[in-house]
Amino acid sequence: MTDGLTRCAWLGDNPLMLAYHDEEWGVPLHEDLRHFEFLVLDAFQAGLSWAIVLKKREGFRKALDGFDPKKIARYTKRSVERLVKDAGIIRNRQKIEATISNAKAFLRIQEEFGSFDEFIWRLAGGKTKQNRWRTLERLPANTKQSDQMSKALKERGFKFVGSTICYAYMQAAGMVNDHIVKCFRYKELGGKG
């Protein structure tokens, strides 16, 4: 990168990771469709690298009807078989089945709270937590808050939402600002140096 900006070290030199870091990661999210997309992608990322997920993101978007939970909730066994054969996505049957189950749980939350955003930000304390990490090694894999979020989502029927996945989702959706202090995005997203 030749723009002279300091960034978090985890992105490496992958252009997809660079764009994701600079434009999406840590930006407070308030659109239900995007919440569902991030939940789906974070679940599929478990055990894999984020670079693999980003590479297949457009394949997921196409295969999963634009991450529309209303459409995904109506998927059948035949849909699962189609997705298991789709080379454009990560073909993990358990994660595919969990995505369908999670779409149904997501819709129930929308019905109960008016929006998933209202529900999930309430679990996150209503505003972005501004962390002050100086090095990448200091970032936690999970927190008490992600433990609580995981428990609440599981109680509502979600799958593949362990505490580590929930923390990754909280980072992605801007519920925590985990850019390192020296990263140019840290202050842009409300961090105080």
Foldseek 3Di string as FASTA:
>chain_A
DPPPFDFAPVQPPDPLSVCLRVPFFQAADQDQLVLLLLLLLLLLCVVHDSVVSSQLSVVCCVLCVNSQLVVLLPDDPVSLVVQLPRPSHPNDSVSSVLSNQLSVLLVVVCVVPVHVSRVVCVLLVVAEAEDAAQHPVPDDLFDVSLQVVLVVSVVSRHPSSHRSSSVSSCRRNNSYPPIHPRGPVSVVSPHDD
